[in-house]
Protein backbone atom coordinates (compact mmCIF):
# COMPACT_ATOMS: atom_id res chain seq x y z
CA MET A 1 93.96 20.06 97.22
CA THR A 2 91.75 22.14 99.50
CA ALA A 3 90.16 20.59 102.54
CA GLU A 4 87.15 22.02 104.33
CA LEU A 5 86.93 21.59 108.08
CA SER A 6 83.61 21.26 109.83
CA VAL A 7 83.37 20.81 113.59
CA ALA A 8 80.40 18.97 115.00
CA PRO A 9 78.18 20.82 117.49
CA SER A 10 79.65 20.86 120.97
CA CYS A 11 78.74 18.15 123.41
CA ASN A 12 79.86 17.10 126.85
CA GLN A 13 82.65 14.78 125.79
CA THR A 14 83.26 13.29 129.24
CA ASN A 15 79.57 12.45 129.73
CA ASP A 16 79.30 11.03 126.21
CA LEU A 17 82.29 8.76 126.83
CA ASN A 18 80.89 7.80 130.26
CA ASN A 19 77.59 6.86 128.64
CA SER A 20 79.23 4.77 125.93
CA ASN A 21 79.25 1.00 126.20
CA ASP A 22 83.02 1.07 126.59
CA LYS A 23 84.14 -0.43 129.91
CA ALA A 24 87.44 1.49 129.96
CA THR A 25 88.06 4.32 132.38
CA VAL A 26 87.01 7.57 130.75
CA ALA A 27 89.67 9.97 129.53
CA THR A 28 89.86 13.44 131.05
CA THR A 29 92.17 14.78 128.36
CA PRO A 30 90.16 16.39 125.54
CA VAL A 31 89.76 14.08 122.56
CA VAL A 32 88.85 15.01 118.97
CA ALA A 33 88.41 12.66 116.01
CA VAL A 34 89.29 13.69 112.45
CA ILE A 35 86.93 11.85 110.11
CA GLY A 36 86.21 11.72 106.39
CA PHE A 37 86.11 9.51 103.34
CA SER A 38 89.16 7.54 102.23
CA ASN A 39 91.83 9.74 100.61
CA SER A 40 90.11 12.96 101.71
CA GLY A 41 93.23 14.28 103.45
CA LYS A 42 92.59 13.19 107.04
CA ALA A 43 96.21 12.20 107.72
CA ARG A 44 97.43 15.50 106.28
CA VAL A 45 95.00 17.46 108.46
CA VAL A 46 95.99 15.49 111.58
CA SER A 47 99.68 15.97 110.79
CA GLU A 48 99.24 19.72 110.28
CA LEU A 49 97.19 20.03 113.48
CA VAL A 50 99.85 18.16 115.45
CA GLU A 51 102.63 20.29 113.96
CA SER A 52 100.81 23.60 114.56
CA LEU A 53 99.59 22.81 118.06
CA THR A 54 102.97 21.43 119.09
CA ALA A 55 104.59 24.67 117.89
CA TRP A 56 102.26 26.48 120.33
CA GLY A 57 103.57 24.29 123.16
CA ILE A 58 100.55 21.97 123.32
CA LYS A 59 101.43 18.32 123.96
CA ILE A 60 99.53 16.10 121.51
CA ALA A 61 98.88 12.37 121.53
CA ALA A 62 97.93 11.07 118.07
CA ILE A 63 95.94 7.87 117.53
CA LYS A 64 95.47 6.34 114.07
CA HIS A 65 92.66 3.82 113.63
CA CYS A 66 93.08 1.20 110.90
CA PRO A 67 89.80 -0.74 110.86
CA HIS A 68 91.06 -3.01 108.07
CA GLY A 69 94.34 -3.87 109.83
CA HIS A 70 97.89 -2.66 109.39
CA GLU A 71 101.43 -3.94 109.46
CA PRO A 72 104.17 -2.21 111.41
CA THR A 73 106.95 -0.95 109.19
CA PRO A 74 109.45 -3.79 108.95
CA THR A 75 112.86 -2.61 110.05
CA ASN A 76 114.56 -5.89 110.94
CA SER A 77 115.07 -4.46 114.42
CA ASP A 78 115.49 -6.65 117.49
CA ARG A 79 112.01 -5.52 118.61
CA ASP A 80 110.50 -6.67 115.31
CA ARG A 81 112.30 -10.01 115.51
CA LEU A 82 111.01 -10.55 119.06
CA TYR A 83 107.47 -9.61 118.01
CA GLY A 84 107.74 -11.82 114.94
CA ALA A 85 108.87 -14.70 117.13
CA GLY A 86 105.56 -14.46 119.00
CA ALA A 87 106.07 -12.06 121.91
CA VAL A 88 102.72 -10.58 123.04
CA VAL A 89 104.47 -7.24 123.65
CA ALA A 90 107.79 -6.05 122.25
CA ILE A 91 109.17 -2.74 123.52
CA THR A 92 112.19 -0.77 122.43
CA SER A 93 113.28 1.91 124.88
CA SER A 94 115.93 4.61 124.61
CA PRO A 95 116.52 7.86 126.54
CA ASP A 96 114.22 9.94 124.30
CA GLN A 97 111.55 7.54 123.02
CA ARG A 98 109.81 4.19 123.45
CA THR A 99 108.18 2.06 120.76
CA THR A 100 105.72 -0.71 121.58
CA LEU A 101 104.18 -3.45 119.48
CA GLU A 102 101.36 -5.28 121.25
CA ARG A 103 99.16 -8.14 120.11
CA VAL A 104 95.48 -7.61 120.89
CA VAL A 105 92.47 -9.89 120.57
CA GLU A 106 89.98 -7.25 119.38
CA ASP A 107 89.82 -3.69 118.07
CA SER A 108 90.18 -1.02 120.75
CA SER A 109 87.70 1.79 121.29
CA LEU A 110 88.85 5.39 121.24
CA ALA A 111 87.92 5.71 124.94
CA SER A 112 90.10 2.75 125.91
CA LEU A 113 93.02 4.05 123.83
CA ALA A 114 92.66 7.53 125.34
CA THR A 115 92.73 5.98 128.80
CA LEU A 116 95.79 3.95 127.83
CA VAL A 117 97.55 7.14 126.70
CA GLN A 118 96.72 8.87 129.98
CA THR A 119 97.78 6.00 132.22
CA GLN A 120 100.74 4.53 130.33
CA VAL A 121 102.48 7.45 128.62
CA GLU A 122 105.08 9.33 130.67
CA THR A 123 104.46 12.73 129.03
CA ARG A 124 100.77 13.43 129.63
CA PRO A 125 99.20 15.07 126.56
CA ASP A 126 97.06 18.21 126.60
CA LEU A 127 94.97 16.93 123.68
CA ILE A 128 94.36 13.59 121.96
CA ILE A 129 93.72 13.73 118.21
CA SER A 130 92.55 10.58 116.47
CA GLU A 131 92.15 9.78 112.82
CA GLU A 132 88.91 7.88 112.21
CA PHE A 133 86.75 6.42 115.04
CA LYS A 134 83.68 7.84 113.26
CA SER A 135 81.22 6.32 115.73
CA SER A 136 83.02 7.51 118.88
CA PRO A 137 81.09 10.00 121.03
CA VAL A 138 83.69 12.80 120.81
CA GLN A 139 84.00 16.11 118.95
CA LYS A 140 84.65 15.54 115.26
CA ILE A 141 86.45 17.41 112.51
CA LEU A 142 85.10 16.41 109.10
CA VAL A 143 87.60 16.57 106.24
CA ILE A 144 86.13 16.90 102.76
CA ASP A 145 88.18 16.81 99.57
CA ASP A 146 86.37 19.48 97.55
CA ARG A 147 87.44 17.90 94.24
CA LYS A 148 85.37 14.81 95.05
CA TRP A 149 82.31 16.85 95.99
CA LEU A 150 82.59 19.07 92.91
CA SER A 151 82.69 16.06 90.58
CA GLN A 152 79.48 14.55 91.94
């Protein structure tokens, strides 16, 4: 499968996020959204971007948007049992990583998630890459599966 990348014209990302209706504090870390139709290869592109940029020493925060909901991978861990029992937040922490499951009352905007990453994550990222968030006012990378376009 070949994917074509198209970057939207540049814009002042900070001003666009400031002008959005989002009440969250605006992120200062650059944010880019990878968008495209379902099964176009967005996750593959995000994964390859993260892998390549990380190899160059760039710290990446990745955000996946699931507008139709998602289930955390069941592992029968203590964290999952605590979350399943009704905890509003269940955190597992070890010397090299931390995993959090949090119940929320509504979908989060990309701006609020970017702010969360910047204020709550110990290792501050150099770049935030999201998958989806098509209507967010940030730079976009459009992924197109050329097989779908050729068949139309």
